[in-house]
Every structure is written in structure tokens, then in C-alpha cells.
Amino acid sequence: MFTLRIRPAQLEALAALSRRRFVDSAVLHLRQEHPERWAAAPDPSVRAWAERRLARGEALGLLEEAALLRHIEVASRLSEPFAESPDAIGVLHDHAAVVDWPPTWDLLQQLHRAAAA
């Protein structure tokens, strides 16, 4: 019988690769969804911002990739403080709302305007 053994260093390497790929997709998402802000920004700057926002989203309890990508989109297009607000986080914790994005984006914009008023 063959026993597969994965060393902790191998698991760490796989996790790091997965995280790098996710950050890459977040950078691409930012460039596609908010090009007026990110088109001219160098990759290291966008990457650092995305990594910081993803970590903050995880600290706020967002675990699904879709919710984390929407979190960084809200932070980029509306504001970082609003992306951390109970209104935004409450919406982003709702998987159905994250999937049904155009109407949810409209709702978040309304909530953002109401908070600014």
C-alpha cells in the first residue's frame, strides 16, 4: 500500500500559490471594474492595495472569493470606510446579493449616498 505524505512546507507552498493566484485575479478585477482609477497604476501598487483590502475583508468575516472581490470593488469605487461599514458588510455577507450584482451594486450606491448625506 502506498501512503502519500505531504510535508508542511509543501502545504504552505500550495497555499501561497493559491493566494498569489487569487490576488492576481483581484488585480485583474480592479483593472476591469474600475479602469479610471487603476489603468495607469503600476502592478506592485495595485497588488499591495488589493492584498491589504483582501486581508481587511477577511478580518471582517468575508470568506468567499466572490464576496472578497466585491468588497475590494466597493472599496475602490465608493470608499474604503464605506466598504467596512455595517451596511456594506451586511450586504456582502449575503451570497445571493453578491451573485445578483447589478441590483446589489445599485443598492450599495444608494446606501453610500445615504451615509454621506
Protein backbone atom coordinates (compact mmCIF):
# COMPACT_ATOMS: atom_id res chain seq x y z
CA MET A 1 0.00 0.00 0.00
CA PHE A 2 1.28 3.45 -0.91
CA THR A 3 0.98 6.26 1.63
CA LEU A 4 1.03 9.82 0.41
CA ARG A 5 2.78 12.20 2.73
CA ILE A 6 2.60 15.90 2.30
CA ARG A 7 5.06 17.88 4.31
CA PRO A 8 4.02 21.14 5.99
CA ALA A 9 6.33 23.09 3.67
CA GLN A 10 4.51 21.62 0.67
CA LEU A 11 1.13 22.61 2.09
CA GLU A 12 2.43 26.12 2.76
CA ALA A 13 3.73 26.37 -0.81
CA LEU A 14 0.35 25.30 -2.21
CA ALA A 15 -1.48 27.80 -0.01
CA ALA A 16 0.90 30.58 -1.04
CA LEU A 17 0.41 29.75 -4.72
CA SER A 18 -3.36 29.79 -4.30
CA ARG A 19 -3.19 33.16 -2.55
CA ARG A 20 -0.96 34.65 -5.27
CA ARG A 21 -3.40 33.50 -7.93
CA PHE A 22 -6.31 34.97 -6.02
CA VAL A 23 -4.51 38.31 -5.63
CA ASP A 24 -3.75 38.22 -9.36
CA SER A 25 -7.46 37.78 -10.07
CA ALA A 26 -8.25 40.64 -7.68
CA VAL A 27 -5.83 42.94 -9.53
CA LEU A 28 -7.40 41.98 -12.85
CA HIS A 29 -10.86 42.56 -11.35
CA LEU A 30 -9.89 46.05 -10.18
CA ARG A 31 -8.43 46.96 -13.56
CA GLN A 32 -11.56 45.73 -15.36
CA GLU A 33 -14.19 47.14 -12.98
CA HIS A 34 -12.59 50.49 -12.15
CA PRO A 35 -10.18 51.27 -15.01
CA GLU A 36 -10.26 55.03 -14.47
CA ARG A 37 -8.58 54.52 -11.10
CA TRP A 38 -6.26 51.59 -11.81
CA ALA A 39 -5.30 51.69 -15.52
CA ALA A 40 -2.17 53.79 -15.02
CA ALA A 41 -1.21 52.37 -11.63
CA PRO A 42 1.83 50.08 -11.58
CA ASP A 43 1.15 46.43 -10.77
CA PRO A 44 3.04 46.45 -7.44
CA SER A 45 0.86 49.33 -6.18
CA VAL A 46 -2.40 47.71 -7.25
CA ARG A 47 -1.25 44.38 -5.84
CA ALA A 48 -0.33 45.89 -2.46
CA TRP A 49 -3.68 47.69 -2.26
CA ALA A 50 -5.58 44.53 -3.22
CA GLU A 51 -3.69 42.41 -0.68
CA ARG A 52 -4.44 44.94 2.07
CA ARG A 53 -8.13 45.15 1.17
CA LEU A 54 -8.48 41.35 0.90
CA ALA A 55 -6.92 40.93 4.34
CA ARG A 56 -9.29 43.55 5.72
CA GLY A 57 -12.28 41.84 4.09
CA GLU A 58 -11.26 38.54 5.63
CA ALA A 59 -10.90 40.24 9.03
CA LEU A 60 -14.47 41.49 8.59
CA GLY A 61 -15.65 37.90 8.08
CA LEU A 62 -15.87 37.74 4.29
CA LEU A 63 -14.66 34.29 3.30
CA GLU A 64 -15.98 33.58 -0.19
CA GLU A 65 -13.88 34.75 -3.12
CA ALA A 66 -16.85 36.47 -4.78
CA ALA A 67 -17.62 38.47 -1.63
CA LEU A 68 -13.97 39.46 -1.24
CA LEU A 69 -13.75 40.61 -4.87
CA ARG A 70 -16.93 42.65 -4.46
CA HIS A 71 -15.53 44.08 -1.22
CA ILE A 72 -12.46 45.42 -2.98
CA GLU A 73 -14.65 46.75 -5.79
CA VAL A 74 -16.80 48.66 -3.29
CA ALA A 75 -13.68 50.00 -1.56
CA SER A 76 -12.21 51.08 -4.87
CA ARG A 77 -15.29 52.67 -6.40
CA LEU A 78 -17.05 54.11 -3.36
CA SER A 79 -14.61 54.31 -0.44
CA GLU A 80 -12.65 52.14 1.93
CA PRO A 81 -14.54 53.34 5.04
CA PHE A 82 -17.88 52.56 3.38
CA ALA A 83 -16.62 49.10 2.32
CA GLU A 84 -16.08 48.39 6.03
CA SER A 85 -19.40 49.82 7.18
CA PRO A 86 -22.09 47.60 8.66
CA ASP A 87 -24.33 48.42 5.66
CA ALA A 88 -21.80 47.24 3.08
CA ILE A 89 -20.57 44.26 5.06
CA GLY A 90 -24.14 43.14 5.74
CA VAL A 91 -24.86 43.13 2.02
CA LEU A 92 -21.58 41.41 1.15
CA HIS A 93 -22.27 38.60 3.63
CA ASP A 94 -25.42 37.75 1.63
CA HIS A 95 -24.29 35.29 -1.05
CA ALA A 96 -27.43 35.83 -3.16
CA ALA A 97 -26.79 39.58 -3.18
CA VAL A 98 -23.16 39.10 -4.20
CA VAL A 99 -24.23 36.88 -7.10
CA ASP A 100 -27.05 39.22 -8.19
CA TRP A 101 -24.57 42.03 -8.65
CA PRO A 102 -26.10 44.79 -10.78
CA PRO A 103 -29.09 45.30 -8.45
CA THR A 104 -26.86 44.87 -5.40
CA TRP A 105 -24.41 47.45 -6.76
CA ASP A 106 -27.34 49.87 -7.13
CA LEU A 107 -28.35 49.19 -3.51
CA LEU A 108 -24.81 49.78 -2.26
CA GLN A 109 -24.62 53.08 -4.16
CA GLN A 110 -27.89 54.17 -2.52
CA LEU A 111 -26.60 53.19 0.91
CA HIS A 112 -23.36 55.06 0.24
CA ARG A 113 -25.24 58.23 -0.76
CA ALA A 114 -27.46 57.94 2.32
CA ALA A 115 -24.44 57.55 4.60
CA ALA A 116 -22.78 60.61 3.03
CA ALA A 117 -25.87 62.77 3.48
